[in-house]
Amino acid sequence: MHYANFGFFISILATATSAAADLGQQIATQGNSRGAVACVACHGPAGAGNAAAGFPRLAGLNADYLTKQLRDYQSGARDNPIMQPIAQALDEQEQVSVSAYYAAQEGSPAPLIGRADRAPQSLGERLATRGAWERDVPECVSCHGPGGAGVGAAFPRLAGQHASYIEQQLQAWKQGSRDNDPNQLMRPVAEKLTDEESAAVAAYFAQLGTADSSQ
């Protein structure tokens, strides 16, 4: 009887998991009847985003991070005239499900590049892996993980994200128009970067998502 109950529980859990996955795909590809447009309209069918239009890559980002961003759009903690009404049209389960859907989409694996590896070859790589401690600029990988792979809900994956989007967010942190990070860590860093440095580090992380980036 005990085993029968356990099997029933597993069956219910599998059904619930499948339903959540189906809901996530539905929101991503069709939106909902309350005004949330399909995510694919802007972020593409595989969540790869659209660099030219300023829409970020979602595929492979941490599910909890994505959910937090949706909730921040919903509450106004993160400002965006396109995303705010969409997030407000999603209920909690829809936010969680669509976040899990995109987190499960495959992205290029981030190469494991950290402080101890070879000497940096470019300005962007140097800032990403060594920082500029003489100006109190820590290396990006100390928070965002080796190779910019991301760390939990607080520090998103940067590897493979569009350079234009990363640069745009650095400018937003610098100007104070974005401040929904944990402990307001990003603004002091972004303020110390020149425009050239912001562009360089953005380009560095963007190319880590390419097939030959670990060569």
N, C-alpha and C. Protein backbone atom coordinates (compact mmCIF):
# COMPACT_ATOMS: atom_id res chain seq x y z
N MET A 1 0.83 -1.20 0.00
CA MET A 1 0.00 0.00 0.00
C MET A 1 0.87 1.25 0.00
N HIS A 2 1.95 1.16 0.79
CA HIS A 2 2.88 2.28 0.86
C HIS A 2 3.45 2.59 -0.52
N TYR A 3 3.87 1.52 -1.24
CA TYR A 3 4.45 1.72 -2.55
C TYR A 3 3.42 2.22 -3.55
N ALA A 4 2.19 1.79 -3.38
CA ALA A 4 1.12 2.24 -4.27
C ALA A 4 0.89 3.74 -4.09
N ASN A 5 0.90 4.19 -2.83
CA ASN A 5 0.73 5.62 -2.56
C ASN A 5 1.88 6.43 -3.13
N PHE A 6 3.10 5.88 -2.99
CA PHE A 6 4.28 6.58 -3.51
C PHE A 6 4.19 6.71 -5.03
N GLY A 7 3.77 5.62 -5.68
CA GLY A 7 3.62 5.65 -7.13
C GLY A 7 2.57 6.65 -7.57
N PHE A 8 1.49 6.74 -6.81
CA PHE A 8 0.43 7.70 -7.12
C PHE A 8 0.97 9.13 -6.99
N PHE A 9 1.76 9.36 -5.93
CA PHE A 9 2.34 10.69 -5.71
C PHE A 9 3.26 11.07 -6.87
N ILE A 10 4.09 10.13 -7.30
CA ILE A 10 5.01 10.39 -8.42
C ILE A 10 4.23 10.70 -9.69
N SER A 11 3.13 9.98 -9.89
CA SER A 11 2.29 10.21 -11.07
C SER A 11 1.69 11.61 -11.05
N ILE A 12 1.21 12.03 -9.89
CA ILE A 12 0.63 13.37 -9.75
C ILE A 12 1.69 14.44 -9.98
N LEU A 13 2.88 14.22 -9.42
CA LEU A 13 3.98 15.17 -9.58
C LEU A 13 4.38 15.31 -11.04
N ALA A 14 4.46 14.18 -11.74
CA ALA A 14 4.83 14.20 -13.16
C ALA A 14 3.78 14.94 -13.97
N THR A 15 2.51 14.73 -13.63
CA THR A 15 1.43 15.42 -14.34
C THR A 15 1.51 16.92 -14.12
N ALA A 16 1.77 17.32 -12.87
CA ALA A 16 1.88 18.75 -12.55
C ALA A 16 3.06 19.39 -13.27
N THR A 17 4.18 18.67 -13.31
CA THR A 17 5.38 19.18 -13.99
C THR A 17 5.12 19.35 -15.47
N SER A 18 4.45 18.37 -16.06
CA SER A 18 4.12 18.43 -17.48
C SER A 18 3.17 19.59 -17.77
N ALA A 19 2.20 19.80 -16.89
CA ALA A 19 1.24 20.89 -17.08
C ALA A 19 1.94 22.24 -17.01
N ALA A 20 2.90 22.38 -16.08
CA ALA A 20 3.64 23.64 -15.95
C ALA A 20 4.47 23.90 -17.20
N ALA A 21 5.09 22.83 -17.74
CA ALA A 21 5.89 22.97 -18.95
C ALA A 21 5.01 23.37 -20.13
N ASP A 22 3.83 22.76 -20.21
CA ASP A 22 2.90 23.11 -21.29
C ASP A 22 2.44 24.56 -21.17
N LEU A 23 2.19 25.01 -19.95
CA LEU A 23 1.77 26.39 -19.73
C LEU A 23 2.88 27.35 -20.14
N GLY A 24 4.12 27.02 -19.78
CA GLY A 24 5.24 27.87 -20.15
C GLY A 24 5.38 28.00 -21.65
N GLN A 25 5.25 26.89 -22.35
CA GLN A 25 5.34 26.93 -23.81
C GLN A 25 4.18 27.71 -24.40
N GLN A 26 3.00 27.56 -23.82
CA GLN A 26 1.83 28.28 -24.31
C GLN A 26 2.02 29.79 -24.18
N ILE A 27 2.49 30.24 -23.03
CA ILE A 27 2.72 31.68 -22.83
C ILE A 27 3.78 32.17 -23.80
N ALA A 28 4.84 31.38 -23.96
CA ALA A 28 5.94 31.79 -24.84
C ALA A 28 5.51 31.90 -26.29
N THR A 29 4.67 30.99 -26.74
CA THR A 29 4.33 30.93 -28.16
C THR A 29 2.99 31.56 -28.52
N GLN A 30 2.09 31.69 -27.51
CA GLN A 30 0.76 32.21 -27.81
C GLN A 30 0.34 33.39 -26.94
N GLY A 31 1.04 33.60 -25.81
CA GLY A 31 0.59 34.62 -24.87
C GLY A 31 -0.63 34.13 -24.10
N ASN A 32 -1.42 35.07 -23.59
CA ASN A 32 -2.66 34.68 -22.91
C ASN A 32 -3.80 35.61 -23.31
N SER A 33 -4.97 35.35 -22.80
CA SER A 33 -6.16 36.11 -23.20
C SER A 33 -6.31 37.42 -22.42
N ARG A 34 -5.38 37.69 -21.51
CA ARG A 34 -5.47 38.89 -20.69
C ARG A 34 -4.55 40.01 -21.16
N GLY A 35 -3.96 39.83 -22.32
CA GLY A 35 -3.15 40.91 -22.89
C GLY A 35 -1.67 40.66 -22.97
N ALA A 36 -1.20 39.52 -22.49
CA ALA A 36 0.22 39.19 -22.62
C ALA A 36 0.48 38.62 -24.01
N VAL A 37 1.27 39.33 -24.79
CA VAL A 37 1.57 38.84 -26.14
C VAL A 37 2.59 37.71 -26.05
N ALA A 38 2.67 36.91 -27.10
CA ALA A 38 3.61 35.79 -27.13
C ALA A 38 5.04 36.30 -27.04
N CYS A 39 5.83 35.68 -26.20
CA CYS A 39 7.23 36.10 -26.02
C CYS A 39 8.02 35.98 -27.32
N VAL A 40 7.66 34.98 -28.14
CA VAL A 40 8.41 34.74 -29.37
C VAL A 40 8.32 35.91 -30.34
N ALA A 41 7.31 36.75 -30.18
CA ALA A 41 7.16 37.90 -31.08
C ALA A 41 8.37 38.82 -31.02
N CYS A 42 8.99 38.92 -29.85
CA CYS A 42 10.16 39.78 -29.68
C CYS A 42 11.44 38.98 -29.45
N HIS A 43 11.33 37.91 -28.67
CA HIS A 43 12.53 37.18 -28.25
C HIS A 43 12.85 35.99 -29.15
N GLY A 44 12.04 35.78 -30.20
CA GLY A 44 12.33 34.73 -31.16
C GLY A 44 11.84 33.36 -30.74
N PRO A 45 11.69 32.44 -31.70
CA PRO A 45 11.12 31.12 -31.42
C PRO A 45 11.95 30.27 -30.47
N ALA A 46 13.26 30.49 -30.43
CA ALA A 46 14.12 29.71 -29.54
C ALA A 46 14.66 30.54 -28.38
N GLY A 47 14.10 31.74 -28.18
CA GLY A 47 14.55 32.59 -27.09
C GLY A 47 15.90 33.22 -27.32
N ALA A 48 16.32 33.31 -28.60
CA ALA A 48 17.64 33.86 -28.91
C ALA A 48 17.67 35.38 -28.91
N GLY A 49 16.50 36.01 -28.84
CA GLY A 49 16.44 37.46 -28.81
C GLY A 49 16.64 38.10 -30.17
N ASN A 50 16.74 39.41 -30.17
CA ASN A 50 16.93 40.18 -31.40
C ASN A 50 17.84 41.36 -31.06
N ALA A 51 19.11 41.24 -31.39
CA ALA A 51 20.09 42.26 -31.01
C ALA A 51 19.75 43.62 -31.61
N ALA A 52 19.37 43.63 -32.88
CA ALA A 52 19.11 44.90 -33.56
C ALA A 52 17.96 45.66 -32.92
N ALA A 53 16.97 44.93 -32.42
CA ALA A 53 15.79 45.56 -31.83
C ALA A 53 15.94 45.77 -30.32
N GLY A 54 17.02 45.25 -29.74
CA GLY A 54 17.24 45.44 -28.31
C GLY A 54 16.57 44.42 -27.41
N PHE A 55 16.13 43.29 -27.99
CA PHE A 55 15.46 42.26 -27.19
C PHE A 55 16.48 41.20 -26.77
N PRO A 56 16.67 40.96 -25.48
CA PRO A 56 17.74 40.07 -25.02
C PRO A 56 17.46 38.60 -25.26
N ARG A 57 18.54 37.85 -25.22
CA ARG A 57 18.45 36.40 -25.25
C ARG A 57 17.88 35.92 -23.92
N LEU A 58 16.91 35.01 -23.96
CA LEU A 58 16.33 34.43 -22.76
C LEU A 58 16.75 32.98 -22.57
N ALA A 59 17.05 32.30 -23.66
CA ALA A 59 17.38 30.87 -23.59
C ALA A 59 18.57 30.62 -22.68
N GLY A 60 18.37 29.71 -21.73
CA GLY A 60 19.45 29.31 -20.85
C GLY A 60 19.65 30.18 -19.62
N LEU A 61 18.88 31.28 -19.49
CA LEU A 61 18.99 32.09 -18.28
C LEU A 61 18.35 31.36 -17.11
N ASN A 62 18.82 31.64 -15.91
CA ASN A 62 18.30 31.00 -14.71
C ASN A 62 16.80 31.30 -14.55
N ALA A 63 16.02 30.26 -14.25
CA ALA A 63 14.57 30.42 -14.16
C ALA A 63 14.17 31.40 -13.05
N ASP A 64 14.83 31.31 -11.90
CA ASP A 64 14.49 32.21 -10.80
C ASP A 64 14.85 33.66 -11.15
N TYR A 65 15.94 33.84 -11.88
CA TYR A 65 16.31 35.19 -12.32
C TYR A 65 15.24 35.75 -13.25
N LEU A 66 14.80 34.94 -14.21
CA LEU A 66 13.76 35.40 -15.14
C LEU A 66 12.47 35.73 -14.41
N THR A 67 12.09 34.88 -13.46
CA THR A 67 10.88 35.15 -12.68
C THR A 67 11.00 36.46 -11.91
N LYS A 68 12.16 36.69 -11.32
CA LYS A 68 12.36 37.94 -10.58
C LYS A 68 12.23 39.15 -11.50
N GLN A 69 12.78 39.05 -12.71
CA GLN A 69 12.68 40.19 -13.63
C GLN A 69 11.22 40.45 -14.01
N LEU A 70 10.45 39.40 -14.24
CA LEU A 70 9.03 39.57 -14.55
C LEU A 70 8.30 40.23 -13.38
N ARG A 71 8.61 39.80 -12.18
CA ARG A 71 7.95 40.40 -11.00
C ARG A 71 8.38 41.85 -10.81
N ASP A 72 9.63 42.14 -11.12
CA ASP A 72 10.10 43.53 -11.01
C ASP A 72 9.45 44.42 -12.07
N TYR A 73 9.26 43.89 -13.28
CA TYR A 73 8.52 44.64 -14.30
C TYR A 73 7.08 44.87 -13.83
N GLN A 74 6.50 43.83 -13.27
CA GLN A 74 5.11 43.90 -12.82
C GLN A 74 4.92 44.96 -11.74
N SER A 75 5.85 45.04 -10.81
CA SER A 75 5.74 45.98 -9.69
C SER A 75 6.24 47.38 -10.03
N GLY A 76 7.01 47.48 -11.12
CA GLY A 76 7.60 48.77 -11.47
C GLY A 76 9.01 48.94 -10.92
N ALA A 77 9.52 47.92 -10.21
CA ALA A 77 10.89 48.00 -9.70
C ALA A 77 11.90 48.04 -10.84
N ARG A 78 11.53 47.46 -11.97
CA ARG A 78 12.33 47.59 -13.19
C ARG A 78 11.43 48.19 -14.26
N ASP A 79 11.90 49.25 -14.86
CA ASP A 79 11.07 50.01 -15.79
C ASP A 79 11.34 49.61 -17.24
N ASN A 80 10.28 49.32 -17.96
CA ASN A 80 10.37 49.06 -19.40
C ASN A 80 8.96 49.17 -19.96
N PRO A 81 8.72 50.09 -20.89
CA PRO A 81 7.36 50.32 -21.37
C PRO A 81 6.76 49.15 -22.14
N ILE A 82 7.61 48.28 -22.67
CA ILE A 82 7.11 47.10 -23.39
C ILE A 82 6.81 45.98 -22.41
N MET A 83 7.75 45.72 -21.52
CA MET A 83 7.62 44.56 -20.64
C MET A 83 6.65 44.75 -19.48
N GLN A 84 6.49 45.97 -19.01
CA GLN A 84 5.65 46.17 -17.82
C GLN A 84 4.21 45.71 -18.03
N PRO A 85 3.52 46.11 -19.11
CA PRO A 85 2.15 45.64 -19.28
C PRO A 85 2.05 44.14 -19.54
N ILE A 86 3.07 43.57 -20.16
CA ILE A 86 3.07 42.12 -20.40
C ILE A 86 3.18 41.38 -19.07
N ALA A 87 4.13 41.80 -18.24
CA ALA A 87 4.31 41.15 -16.94
C ALA A 87 3.08 41.31 -16.06
N GLN A 88 2.42 42.46 -16.16
CA GLN A 88 1.22 42.69 -15.35
C GLN A 88 0.05 41.83 -15.81
N ALA A 89 0.12 41.34 -17.04
CA ALA A 89 -0.95 40.48 -17.57
C ALA A 89 -0.70 39.00 -17.28
N LEU A 90 0.42 38.68 -16.65
CA LEU A 90 0.74 37.30 -16.31
C LEU A 90 0.49 37.05 -14.83
N ASP A 91 -0.15 35.93 -14.50
CA ASP A 91 -0.28 35.59 -13.09
C ASP A 91 1.00 34.90 -12.61
N GLU A 92 1.06 34.61 -11.34
CA GLU A 92 2.29 34.07 -10.75
C GLU A 92 2.71 32.76 -11.39
N GLN A 93 1.75 31.85 -11.60
CA GLN A 93 2.08 30.56 -12.19
C GLN A 93 2.57 30.71 -13.62
N GLU A 94 1.98 31.63 -14.37
CA GLU A 94 2.43 31.87 -15.74
C GLU A 94 3.85 32.42 -15.77
N GLN A 95 4.16 33.31 -14.84
CA GLN A 95 5.51 33.85 -14.77
C GLN A 95 6.53 32.75 -14.48
N VAL A 96 6.22 31.91 -13.51
CA VAL A 96 7.12 30.83 -13.14
C VAL A 96 7.27 29.83 -14.28
N SER A 97 6.18 29.50 -14.93
CA SER A 97 6.20 28.49 -15.99
C SER A 97 6.95 28.96 -17.23
N VAL A 98 6.73 30.19 -17.64
CA VAL A 98 7.41 30.68 -18.84
C VAL A 98 8.90 30.88 -18.55
N SER A 99 9.23 31.23 -17.32
CA SER A 99 10.64 31.35 -16.94
C SER A 99 11.33 30.00 -17.01
N ALA A 100 10.67 28.97 -16.50
CA ALA A 100 11.23 27.62 -16.55
C ALA A 100 11.36 27.15 -17.99
N TYR A 101 10.40 27.52 -18.83
CA TYR A 101 10.44 27.13 -20.24
C TYR A 101 11.69 27.68 -20.91
N TYR A 102 11.98 28.96 -20.71
CA TYR A 102 13.15 29.55 -21.36
C TYR A 102 14.45 29.08 -20.72
N ALA A 103 14.44 28.84 -19.42
CA ALA A 103 15.64 28.33 -18.75
C ALA A 103 16.05 26.98 -19.32
N ALA A 104 15.05 26.20 -19.76
CA ALA A 104 15.32 24.87 -20.28
C ALA A 104 15.77 24.87 -21.74
N GLN A 105 15.65 26.01 -22.41
CA GLN A 105 16.08 26.08 -23.80
C GLN A 105 17.60 26.00 -23.85
N GLU A 106 18.11 25.29 -24.82
CA GLU A 106 19.55 25.08 -24.88
C GLU A 106 20.26 26.32 -25.40
N GLY A 107 21.37 26.63 -24.76
CA GLY A 107 22.25 27.68 -25.23
C GLY A 107 23.65 27.10 -25.33
N SER A 108 24.56 27.81 -25.96
CA SER A 108 25.94 27.33 -26.04
C SER A 108 26.53 27.28 -24.64
N PRO A 109 27.25 26.20 -24.30
CA PRO A 109 27.85 26.14 -22.96
C PRO A 109 28.89 27.24 -22.79
N ALA A 110 28.93 27.83 -21.60
CA ALA A 110 29.90 28.89 -21.34
C ALA A 110 31.26 28.27 -21.06
N PRO A 111 32.30 28.71 -21.76
CA PRO A 111 33.64 28.19 -21.48
C PRO A 111 34.09 28.60 -20.08
N LEU A 112 34.82 27.73 -19.42
CA LEU A 112 35.23 28.01 -18.04
C LEU A 112 36.51 28.84 -18.04
N ILE A 113 36.33 30.15 -18.06
CA ILE A 113 37.45 31.08 -18.05
C ILE A 113 37.39 31.87 -16.76
N GLY A 114 38.39 31.76 -15.94
CA GLY A 114 38.42 32.47 -14.67
C GLY A 114 39.72 33.22 -14.48
N ARG A 115 39.95 33.72 -13.29
CA ARG A 115 41.14 34.55 -13.03
C ARG A 115 42.44 33.79 -13.28
N ALA A 116 42.46 32.51 -13.01
CA ALA A 116 43.72 31.78 -13.03
C ALA A 116 44.15 31.33 -14.41
N ASP A 117 43.32 31.52 -15.42
CA ASP A 117 43.65 31.05 -16.76
C ASP A 117 44.65 31.99 -17.44
N ARG A 118 44.86 31.78 -18.72
CA ARG A 118 45.86 32.53 -19.48
C ARG A 118 45.67 34.04 -19.35
N ALA A 119 46.71 34.77 -19.70
CA ALA A 119 46.64 36.23 -19.63
C ALA A 119 45.57 36.75 -20.58
N PRO A 120 44.80 37.75 -20.16
CA PRO A 120 43.75 38.29 -21.02
C PRO A 120 44.32 38.92 -22.28
N GLN A 121 43.60 38.73 -23.38
CA GLN A 121 44.07 39.18 -24.69
C GLN A 121 43.43 40.48 -25.14
N SER A 122 42.45 40.97 -24.45
CA SER A 122 41.75 42.17 -24.88
C SER A 122 41.30 42.97 -23.67
N LEU A 123 40.90 44.22 -23.91
CA LEU A 123 40.39 45.07 -22.84
C LEU A 123 39.17 44.43 -22.18
N GLY A 124 38.25 43.93 -23.00
CA GLY A 124 37.04 43.32 -22.46
C GLY A 124 37.34 42.10 -21.62
N GLU A 125 38.23 41.26 -22.11
CA GLU A 125 38.59 40.05 -21.37
C GLU A 125 39.29 40.42 -20.06
N ARG A 126 40.14 41.43 -20.10
CA ARG A 126 40.84 41.83 -18.88
C ARG A 126 39.86 42.31 -17.81
N LEU A 127 38.91 43.14 -18.21
CA LEU A 127 37.92 43.63 -17.25
C LEU A 127 37.05 42.48 -16.73
N ALA A 128 36.68 41.57 -17.63
CA ALA A 128 35.81 40.46 -17.24
C ALA A 128 36.48 39.50 -16.28
N THR A 129 37.76 39.22 -16.50
CA THR A 129 38.44 38.18 -15.73
C THR A 129 39.42 38.70 -14.69
N ARG A 130 39.81 39.98 -14.79
CA ARG A 130 40.77 40.55 -13.83
C ARG A 130 40.23 41.80 -13.15
N GLY A 131 39.29 42.48 -13.80
CA GLY A 131 38.78 43.74 -13.26
C GLY A 131 39.79 44.86 -13.42
N ALA A 132 39.56 45.94 -12.70
CA ALA A 132 40.49 47.07 -12.66
C ALA A 132 40.52 47.52 -11.20
N TRP A 133 41.19 46.75 -10.39
CA TRP A 133 41.13 46.96 -8.95
C TRP A 133 41.73 48.28 -8.50
N GLU A 134 42.59 48.86 -9.33
CA GLU A 134 43.14 50.17 -8.99
C GLU A 134 42.05 51.25 -9.00
N ARG A 135 40.91 50.90 -9.64
CA ARG A 135 39.75 51.81 -9.65
C ARG A 135 38.56 51.20 -8.93
N ASP A 136 38.81 50.17 -8.15
CA ASP A 136 37.75 49.47 -7.42
C ASP A 136 36.70 48.87 -8.34
N VAL A 137 37.15 48.35 -9.49
CA VAL A 137 36.27 47.64 -10.41
C VAL A 137 36.60 46.15 -10.31
N PRO A 138 35.73 45.35 -9.70
CA PRO A 138 36.00 43.92 -9.58
C PRO A 138 35.80 43.22 -10.92
N GLU A 139 36.41 42.05 -11.06
CA GLU A 139 36.20 41.27 -12.27
C GLU A 139 34.76 40.78 -12.32
N CYS A 140 34.17 40.79 -13.51
CA CYS A 140 32.76 40.41 -13.67
C CYS A 140 32.51 38.97 -13.23
N VAL A 141 33.49 38.08 -13.49
CA VAL A 141 33.29 36.66 -13.20
C VAL A 141 33.22 36.38 -11.70
N SER A 142 33.64 37.33 -10.86
CA SER A 142 33.55 37.09 -9.42
C SER A 142 32.10 36.99 -8.96
N CYS A 143 31.19 37.62 -9.68
CA CYS A 143 29.76 37.52 -9.37
C CYS A 143 29.00 36.68 -10.39
N HIS A 144 29.33 36.88 -11.67
CA HIS A 144 28.58 36.22 -12.75
C HIS A 144 29.11 34.84 -13.10
N GLY A 145 30.13 34.39 -12.37
CA GLY A 145 30.61 33.02 -12.53
C GLY A 145 31.64 32.86 -13.63
N PRO A 146 32.40 31.76 -13.58
CA PRO A 146 33.41 31.48 -14.61
C PRO A 146 32.79 31.48 -16.00
N GLY A 147 33.43 32.20 -16.90
CA GLY A 147 32.90 32.26 -18.26
C GLY A 147 31.60 33.01 -18.39
N GLY A 148 31.20 33.73 -17.34
CA GLY A 148 29.93 34.46 -17.41
C GLY A 148 28.73 33.55 -17.45
N ALA A 149 28.86 32.36 -16.81
CA ALA A 149 27.79 31.35 -16.87
C ALA A 149 26.59 31.70 -16.00
N GLY A 150 26.73 32.71 -15.12
CA GLY A 150 25.64 33.10 -14.24
C GLY A 150 25.68 32.34 -12.92
N VAL A 151 25.15 32.97 -11.88
CA VAL A 151 25.10 32.36 -10.55
C VAL A 151 23.73 32.61 -9.94
N GLY A 152 22.90 31.58 -9.93
CA GLY A 152 21.59 31.65 -9.27
C GLY A 152 20.68 32.74 -9.82
N ALA A 153 19.80 33.20 -8.93
CA ALA A 153 18.79 34.18 -9.33
C ALA A 153 19.32 35.60 -9.34
N ALA A 154 20.46 35.83 -8.67
CA ALA A 154 20.94 37.20 -8.51
C ALA A 154 21.83 37.68 -9.64
N PHE A 155 22.63 36.77 -10.20
CA PHE A 155 23.62 37.18 -11.19
C PHE A 155 23.39 36.42 -12.50
N PRO A 156 22.84 37.08 -13.50
CA PRO A 156 22.45 36.39 -14.73
C PRO A 156 23.63 35.95 -15.58
N ARG A 157 23.36 34.96 -16.42
CA ARG A 157 24.33 34.53 -17.42
C ARG A 157 24.60 35.69 -18.37
N LEU A 158 25.87 35.94 -18.65
CA LEU A 158 26.27 36.96 -19.61
C LEU A 158 26.79 36.34 -20.90
N ALA A 159 27.36 35.15 -20.81
CA ALA A 159 27.92 34.49 -21.99
C ALA A 159 26.84 34.29 -23.05
N GLY A 160 27.09 34.80 -24.24
CA GLY A 160 26.16 34.63 -25.34
C GLY A 160 25.05 35.66 -25.40
N GLN A 161 24.97 36.54 -24.39
CA GLN A 161 23.98 37.61 -24.44
C GLN A 161 24.43 38.64 -25.48
N HIS A 162 23.49 39.30 -26.12
CA HIS A 162 23.85 40.27 -27.15
C HIS A 162 24.67 41.40 -26.56
N ALA A 163 25.75 41.76 -27.25
CA ALA A 163 26.62 42.83 -26.77
C ALA A 163 25.86 44.14 -26.61
N SER A 164 24.99 44.43 -27.55
CA SER A 164 24.24 45.69 -27.49
C SER A 164 23.35 45.74 -26.25
N TYR A 165 22.79 44.59 -25.86
CA TYR A 165 21.94 44.55 -24.68
C TYR A 165 22.76 44.72 -23.40
N ILE A 166 23.89 44.01 -23.31
CA ILE A 166 24.74 44.16 -22.13
C ILE A 166 25.19 45.60 -21.98
N GLU A 167 25.61 46.20 -23.08
CA GLU A 167 26.07 47.59 -23.05
C GLU A 167 24.93 48.52 -22.63
N GLN A 168 23.75 48.26 -23.15
CA GLN A 168 22.58 49.07 -22.80
C GLN A 168 22.29 48.98 -21.30
N GLN A 169 22.39 47.79 -20.74
CA GLN A 169 22.13 47.63 -19.31
C GLN A 169 23.21 48.30 -18.45
N LEU A 170 24.46 48.23 -18.88
CA LEU A 170 25.52 48.93 -18.16
C LEU A 170 25.26 50.43 -18.13
N GLN A 171 24.78 50.96 -19.25
CA GLN A 171 24.45 52.39 -19.29
C GLN A 171 23.27 52.70 -18.37
N ALA A 172 22.31 51.79 -18.32
CA ALA A 172 21.14 51.98 -17.45
C ALA A 172 21.56 51.97 -15.98
N TRP A 173 22.46 51.05 -15.61
CA TRP A 173 22.96 51.04 -14.24
C TRP A 173 23.69 52.35 -13.94
N LYS A 174 24.52 52.77 -14.89
CA LYS A 174 25.33 53.98 -14.69
C LYS A 174 24.45 55.21 -14.49
N GLN A 175 23.39 55.29 -15.28
CA GLN A 175 22.51 56.46 -15.23
C GLN A 175 21.47 56.38 -14.11
N GLY A 176 21.36 55.21 -13.49
CA GLY A 176 20.40 55.05 -12.41
C GLY A 176 19.00 54.71 -12.86
N SER A 177 18.81 54.45 -14.15
CA SER A 177 17.47 54.11 -14.64
C SER A 177 17.14 52.63 -14.40
N ARG A 178 18.13 51.84 -14.02
CA ARG A 178 17.89 50.47 -13.57
C ARG A 178 18.58 50.29 -12.23
N ASP A 179 17.85 49.77 -11.25
CA ASP A 179 18.43 49.59 -9.92
C ASP A 179 17.82 48.41 -9.18
N ASN A 180 17.44 47.37 -9.92
CA ASN A 180 16.78 46.23 -9.27
C ASN A 180 17.74 45.08 -8.99
N ASP A 181 19.01 45.39 -8.85
CA ASP A 181 20.00 44.37 -8.55
C ASP A 181 20.14 44.17 -7.04
N PRO A 182 20.68 43.03 -6.60
CA PRO A 182 20.84 42.80 -5.16
C PRO A 182 21.84 43.77 -4.55
N ASN A 183 21.42 44.46 -3.51
CA ASN A 183 22.30 45.38 -2.77
C ASN A 183 22.87 46.51 -3.63
N GLN A 184 22.22 46.81 -4.75
CA GLN A 184 22.67 47.89 -5.64
C GLN A 184 24.16 47.77 -5.94
N LEU A 185 24.57 46.58 -6.33
CA LEU A 185 25.98 46.32 -6.61
C LEU A 185 26.45 46.89 -7.94
N MET A 186 25.56 46.98 -8.91
CA MET A 186 25.99 47.28 -10.27
C MET A 186 26.29 48.75 -10.53
N ARG A 187 25.56 49.65 -9.93
CA ARG A 187 25.78 51.06 -10.27
C ARG A 187 27.20 51.54 -9.97
N PRO A 188 27.76 51.24 -8.78
CA PRO A 188 29.12 51.69 -8.52
C PRO A 188 30.14 51.13 -9.51
N VAL A 189 29.89 49.92 -10.00
CA VAL A 189 30.78 49.32 -10.99
C VAL A 189 30.61 50.02 -12.34
N ALA A 190 29.37 50.13 -12.79
CA ALA A 190 29.09 50.72 -14.11
C ALA A 190 29.57 52.17 -14.18
N GLU A 191 29.45 52.89 -13.09
CA GLU A 191 29.86 54.30 -13.08
C GLU A 191 31.36 54.47 -13.30
N LYS A 192 32.12 53.45 -12.96
CA LYS A 192 33.58 53.54 -13.09
C LYS A 192 34.08 53.10 -14.46
N LEU A 193 33.20 52.54 -15.28
CA LEU A 193 33.58 52.10 -16.61
C LEU A 193 33.41 53.22 -17.63
N THR A 194 34.39 53.38 -18.50
CA THR A 194 34.22 54.31 -19.62
C THR A 194 33.31 53.67 -20.65
N ASP A 195 32.83 54.47 -21.59
CA ASP A 195 31.99 53.91 -22.66
C ASP A 195 32.76 52.86 -23.44
N GLU A 196 34.04 53.10 -23.67
CA GLU A 196 34.87 52.13 -24.39
C GLU A 196 34.96 50.82 -23.62
N GLU A 197 35.12 50.91 -22.32
CA GLU A 197 35.23 49.70 -21.50
C GLU A 197 33.91 48.94 -21.45
N SER A 198 32.81 49.66 -21.35
CA SER A 198 31.49 49.01 -21.35
C SER A 198 31.28 48.24 -22.64
N ALA A 199 31.63 48.87 -23.77
CA ALA A 199 31.47 48.21 -25.07
C ALA A 199 32.38 47.00 -25.18
N ALA A 200 33.60 47.12 -24.65
CA ALA A 200 34.57 46.03 -24.75
C ALA A 200 34.15 44.81 -23.94
N VAL A 201 33.71 45.04 -22.71
CA VAL A 201 33.33 43.91 -21.87
C VAL A 201 32.04 43.27 -22.37
N ALA A 202 31.15 44.08 -22.94
CA ALA A 202 29.92 43.54 -23.53
C ALA A 202 30.25 42.65 -24.72
N ALA A 203 31.16 43.11 -25.57
CA ALA A 203 31.56 42.32 -26.74
C ALA A 203 32.25 41.03 -26.32
N TYR A 204 33.03 41.09 -25.27
CA TYR A 204 33.73 39.90 -24.79
C TYR A 204 32.73 38.82 -24.36
N PHE A 205 31.77 39.19 -23.54
CA PHE A 205 30.81 38.18 -23.08
C PHE A 205 29.92 37.68 -24.21
N ALA A 206 29.57 38.55 -25.13
CA ALA A 206 28.73 38.13 -26.26
C ALA A 206 29.41 37.03 -27.06
N GLN A 207 30.71 37.17 -27.30
CA GLN A 207 31.39 36.17 -28.14
C GLN A 207 31.62 34.85 -27.40
N LEU A 208 31.46 34.83 -26.09
CA LEU A 208 31.61 33.57 -25.36
C LEU A 208 30.51 32.59 -25.70
N GLY A 209 29.44 33.07 -26.31
CA GLY A 209 28.35 32.18 -26.68
C GLY A 209 28.53 31.55 -28.04
N THR A 210 29.63 31.89 -28.74
CA THR A 210 29.84 31.33 -30.07
C THR A 210 30.54 30.00 -29.97
N ALA A 211 30.44 29.22 -31.03
CA ALA A 211 30.94 27.85 -31.01
C ALA A 211 32.45 27.77 -30.80
N ASP A 212 33.21 28.78 -31.29
CA ASP A 212 34.66 28.69 -31.21
C ASP A 212 35.26 29.57 -30.12
N SER A 213 34.43 30.04 -29.19
CA SER A 213 34.90 31.00 -28.20
C SER A 213 35.89 30.43 -27.21
N SER A 214 35.92 29.11 -27.06
CA SER A 214 36.83 28.51 -26.08
C SER A 214 38.17 28.15 -26.69
N GLN A 215 38.35 28.44 -27.95
CA GLN A 215 39.61 28.10 -28.61
C GLN A 215 40.70 29.07 -28.22
